[in-house]
Each structure stands twice: as C-alpha cells, then as structure tokens.
Amino acid sequence: MHVLKNKTNCLMKEDTLIQQNFLQKRTLSFRYLKFLLLHAVKVSRH
C-alpha cells in the first residue's frame, strides 16, 4: 500500500510539472503573438 502511495505521489508531481510547463509555454506564445500584433499595428500605421 505504501509503495502504491509513493508511486501515485510521483505521478502527481510529474503531472503538475507537465501542466506548469504547458502553461508557461502557452503564456510565452501568447506574449509572442501579442508582440507580433503590436508590431504589425505599428508597421501598418506608418
């Protein structure tokens, strides 16, 4: 029973790491898109 609990904890930790990683990547790509949009607007105004 104890071993199973440890395995579950490990899996949960990994899952949390993966989720955090995914969120970071999504935030980064969102910022990048925002930056591109702002840049496009600046260019089109000129």
PDB file of N, CA and C in Angstrom:
ATOM      1  N   MET A   1       0.837  -1.202   0.000  1.00  0.00           N
ATOM      2  CA  MET A   1       0.000   0.000   0.000  1.00  0.00           C
ATOM      3  C   MET A   1       0.873   1.254   0.000  1.00  0.00           C
ATOM      4  N   HIS A   2       1.922   1.227   0.803  1.00  0.00           N
ATOM      5  CA  HIS A   2       2.794   2.397   0.914  1.00  0.00           C
ATOM      6  C   HIS A   2       3.492   2.680  -0.416  1.00  0.00           C
ATOM      7  N   VAL A   3       3.936   1.622  -1.086  1.00  0.00           N
ATOM      8  CA  VAL A   3       4.632   1.766  -2.366  1.00  0.00           C
ATOM      9  C   VAL A   3       3.701   2.402  -3.388  1.00  0.00           C
ATOM     10  N   LEU A   4       2.469   1.951  -3.402  1.00  0.00           N
ATOM     11  CA  LEU A   4       1.471   2.478  -4.333  1.00  0.00           C
ATOM     12  C   LEU A   4       1.266   3.966  -4.097  1.00  0.00           C
ATOM     13  N   LYS A   5       1.219   4.330  -2.824  1.00  0.00           N
ATOM     14  CA  LYS A   5       1.019   5.741  -2.479  1.00  0.00           C
ATOM     15  C   LYS A   5       2.180   6.578  -3.012  1.00  0.00           C
ATOM     16  N   ASN A   6       3.391   6.071  -2.837  1.00  0.00           N
ATOM     17  CA  ASN A   6       4.571   6.782  -3.333  1.00  0.00           C
ATOM     18  C   ASN A   6       4.519   6.949  -4.846  1.00  0.00           C
ATOM     19  N   LYS A   7       4.120   5.881  -5.534  1.00  0.00           N
ATOM     20  CA  LYS A   7       4.031   5.938  -6.994  1.00  0.00           C
ATOM     21  C   LYS A   7       3.022   6.994  -7.412  1.00  0.00           C
ATOM     22  N   THR A   8       1.891   7.014  -6.728  1.00  0.00           N
ATOM     23  CA  THR A   8       0.852   7.990  -7.060  1.00  0.00           C
ATOM     24  C   THR A   8       1.366   9.402  -6.851  1.00  0.00           C
ATOM     25  N   ASN A   9       2.096   9.620  -5.759  1.00  0.00           N
ATOM     26  CA  ASN A   9       2.666  10.940  -5.483  1.00  0.00           C
ATOM     27  C   ASN A   9       3.613  11.362  -6.591  1.00  0.00           C
ATOM     28  N   CYS A  10       4.456  10.425  -7.032  1.00  0.00           N
ATOM     29  CA  CYS A  10       5.407  10.721  -8.099  1.00  0.00           C
ATOM     30  C   CYS A  10       4.669  11.113  -9.368  1.00  0.00           C
ATOM     31  N   LEU A  11       3.639  10.358  -9.695  1.00  0.00           N
ATOM     32  CA  LEU A  11       2.861  10.644 -10.898  1.00  0.00           C
ATOM     33  C   LEU A  11       2.210  12.011 -10.806  1.00  0.00           C
ATOM     34  N   MET A  12       1.684  12.324  -9.640  1.00  0.00           N
ATOM     35  CA  MET A  12       1.028  13.612  -9.458  1.00  0.00           C
ATOM     36  C   MET A  12       2.027  14.752  -9.602  1.00  0.00           C
ATOM     37  N   LYS A  13       3.218  14.556  -9.054  1.00  0.00           N
ATOM     38  CA  LYS A  13       4.262  15.582  -9.166  1.00  0.00           C
ATOM     39  C   LYS A  13       4.623  15.799 -10.630  1.00  0.00           C
ATOM     40  N   GLU A  14       4.801  14.693 -11.354  1.00  0.00           N
ATOM     41  CA  GLU A  14       5.140  14.785 -12.777  1.00  0.00           C
ATOM     42  C   GLU A  14       4.039  15.515 -13.522  1.00  0.00           C
ATOM     43  N   ASP A  15       2.801  15.167 -13.223  1.00  0.00           N
ATOM     44  CA  ASP A  15       1.656  15.776 -13.885  1.00  0.00           C
ATOM     45  C   ASP A  15       1.641  17.279 -13.637  1.00  0.00           C
ATOM     46  N   THR A  16       1.923  17.665 -12.391  1.00  0.00           N
ATOM     47  CA  THR A  16       1.939  19.088 -12.051  1.00  0.00           C
ATOM     48  C   THR A  16       3.025  19.803 -12.831  1.00  0.00           C
ATOM     49  N   LEU A  17       4.199  19.173 -12.918  1.00  0.00           N
ATOM     50  CA  LEU A  17       5.310  19.764 -13.667  1.00  0.00           C
ATOM     51  C   LEU A  17       4.933  19.950 -15.127  1.00  0.00           C
ATOM     52  N   ILE A  18       4.317  18.923 -15.702  1.00  0.00           N
ATOM     53  CA  ILE A  18       3.916  18.990 -17.112  1.00  0.00           C
ATOM     54  C   ILE A  18       2.914  20.121 -17.314  1.00  0.00           C
ATOM     55  N   GLN A  19       1.954  20.237 -16.401  1.00  0.00           N
ATOM     56  CA  GLN A  19       0.948  21.294 -16.510  1.00  0.00           C
ATOM     57  C   GLN A  19       1.587  22.670 -16.413  1.00  0.00           C
ATOM     58  N   GLN A  20       2.509  22.835 -15.469  1.00  0.00           N
ATOM     59  CA  GLN A  20       3.188  24.123 -15.303  1.00  0.00           C
ATOM     60  C   GLN A  20       3.972  24.465 -16.563  1.00  0.00           C
ATOM     61  N   ASN A  21       4.663  23.461 -17.094  1.00  0.00           N
ATOM     62  CA  ASN A  21       5.444  23.639 -18.311  1.00  0.00           C
ATOM     63  C   ASN A  21       4.544  24.091 -19.451  1.00  0.00           C
ATOM     64  N   PHE A  22       3.396  23.416 -19.574  1.00  0.00           N
ATOM     65  CA  PHE A  22       2.443  23.729 -20.638  1.00  0.00           C
ATOM     66  C   PHE A  22       1.935  25.156 -20.495  1.00  0.00           C
ATOM     67  N   LEU A  23       1.612  25.540 -19.261  1.00  0.00           N
ATOM     68  CA  LEU A  23       1.109  26.893 -19.017  1.00  0.00           C
ATOM     69  C   LEU A  23       2.160  27.932 -19.369  1.00  0.00           C
ATOM     70  N   GLN A  24       3.408  27.657 -18.993  1.00  0.00           N
ATOM     71  CA  GLN A  24       4.493  28.595 -19.299  1.00  0.00           C
ATOM     72  C   GLN A  24       4.644  28.761 -20.801  1.00  0.00           C
ATOM     73  N   LYS A  25       4.615  27.636 -21.513  1.00  0.00           N
ATOM     74  CA  LYS A  25       4.753  27.689 -22.970  1.00  0.00           C
ATOM     75  C   LYS A  25       3.608  28.473 -23.580  1.00  0.00           C
ATOM     76  N   ARG A  26       2.396  28.236 -23.049  1.00  0.00           N
ATOM     77  CA  ARG A  26       1.227  28.928 -23.588  1.00  0.00           C
ATOM     78  C   ARG A  26       1.334  30.422 -23.331  1.00  0.00           C
ATOM     79  N   THR A  27       1.797  30.781 -22.142  1.00  0.00           N
ATOM     80  CA  THR A  27       1.946  32.200 -21.807  1.00  0.00           C
ATOM     81  C   THR A  27       2.984  32.840 -22.712  1.00  0.00           C
ATOM     82  N   LEU A  28       4.083  32.119 -22.946  1.00  0.00           N
ATOM     83  CA  LEU A  28       5.145  32.634 -23.809  1.00  0.00           C
ATOM     84  C   LEU A  28       4.635  32.857 -25.222  1.00  0.00           C
ATOM     85  N   SER A  29       3.945  31.872 -25.769  1.00  0.00           N
ATOM     86  CA  SER A  29       3.454  32.006 -27.135  1.00  0.00           C
ATOM     87  C   SER A  29       2.416  33.116 -27.216  1.00  0.00           C
ATOM     88  N   PHE A  30       1.637  33.286 -26.147  1.00  0.00           N
ATOM     89  CA  PHE A  30       0.636  34.349 -26.125  1.00  0.00           C
ATOM     90  C   PHE A  30       1.318  35.712 -26.147  1.00  0.00           C
ATOM     91  N   ARG A  31       2.363  35.854 -25.342  1.00  0.00           N
ATOM     92  CA  ARG A  31       3.115  37.115 -25.316  1.00  0.00           C
ATOM     93  C   ARG A  31       3.735  37.387 -26.675  1.00  0.00           C
ATOM     94  N   TYR A  32       4.254  36.331 -27.283  1.00  0.00           N
ATOM     95  CA  TYR A  32       4.894  36.454 -28.589  1.00  0.00           C
ATOM     96  C   TYR A  32       3.881  36.924 -29.634  1.00  0.00           C
ATOM     97  N   LEU A  33       2.684  36.323 -29.608  1.00  0.00           N
ATOM     98  CA  LEU A  33       1.629  36.717 -30.546  1.00  0.00           C
ATOM     99  C   LEU A  33       1.239  38.170 -30.329  1.00  0.00           C
ATOM    100  N   LYS A  34       1.133  38.550 -29.068  1.00  0.00           N
ATOM    101  CA  LYS A  34       0.771  39.924 -28.727  1.00  0.00           C
ATOM    102  C   LYS A  34       1.825  40.886 -29.277  1.00  0.00           C
ATOM    103  N   PHE A  35       3.084  40.509 -29.089  1.00  0.00           N
ATOM    104  CA  PHE A  35       4.196  41.316 -29.571  1.00  0.00           C
ATOM    105  C   PHE A  35       4.128  41.466 -31.095  1.00  0.00           C
ATOM    106  N   LEU A  36       3.857  40.343 -31.772  1.00  0.00           N
ATOM    107  CA  LEU A  36       3.751  40.371 -33.235  1.00  0.00           C
ATOM    108  C   LEU A  36       2.609  41.278 -33.676  1.00  0.00           C
ATOM    109  N   LEU A  37       1.485  41.177 -32.977  1.00  0.00           N
ATOM    110  CA  LEU A  37       0.323  42.001 -33.319  1.00  0.00           C
ATOM    111  C   LEU A  37       0.642  43.475 -33.149  1.00  0.00           C
ATOM    112  N   LEU A  38       1.245  43.823 -32.025  1.00  0.00           N
ATOM    113  CA  LEU A  38       1.608  45.221 -31.770  1.00  0.00           C
ATOM    114  C   LEU A  38       2.553  45.720 -32.850  1.00  0.00           C
ATOM    115  N   HIS A  39       3.517  44.883 -33.207  1.00  0.00           N
ATOM    116  CA  HIS A  39       4.494  45.241 -34.225  1.00  0.00           C
ATOM    117  C   HIS A  39       3.796  45.472 -35.571  1.00  0.00           C
ATOM    118  N   ALA A  40       2.862  44.595 -35.897  1.00  0.00           N
ATOM    119  CA  ALA A  40       2.125  44.706 -37.160  1.00  0.00           C
ATOM    120  C   ALA A  40       1.325  46.006 -37.195  1.00  0.00           C
ATOM    121  N   VAL A  41       0.724  46.352 -36.062  1.00  0.00           N
ATOM    122  CA  VAL A  41      -0.062  47.586 -35.984  1.00  0.00           C
ATOM    123  C   VAL A  41       0.841  48.795 -36.196  1.00  0.00           C
ATOM    124  N   LYS A  42       1.999  48.786 -35.555  1.00  0.00           N
ATOM    125  CA  LYS A  42       2.952  49.898 -35.703  1.00  0.00           C
ATOM    126  C   LYS A  42       3.377  50.043 -37.157  1.00  0.00           C
ATOM    127  N   VAL A  43       3.679  48.923 -37.783  1.00  0.00           N
ATOM    128  CA  VAL A  43       4.137  48.939 -39.174  1.00  0.00           C
ATOM    129  C   VAL A  43       3.032  49.444 -40.096  1.00  0.00           C
ATOM    130  N   SER A  44       1.810  49.002 -39.864  1.00  0.00           N
ATOM    131  CA  SER A  44       0.708  49.394 -40.749  1.00  0.00           C
ATOM    132  C   SER A  44       0.339  50.866 -40.580  1.00  0.00           C
ATOM    133  N   ARG A  45       0.681  51.455 -39.454  1.00  0.00           N
ATOM    134  CA  ARG A  45       0.363  52.869 -39.220  1.00  0.00           C
ATOM    135  C   ARG A  45       1.282  53.779 -40.015  1.00  0.00           C
ATOM    136  N   HIS A  46       2.496  53.320 -40.252  1.00  0.00           N
ATOM    137  CA  HIS A  46       3.484  54.153 -40.957  1.00  0.00           C
ATOM    138  C   HIS A  46       3.152  54.327 -42.429  1.00  0.00           C
TER     139      HIS A  46
END
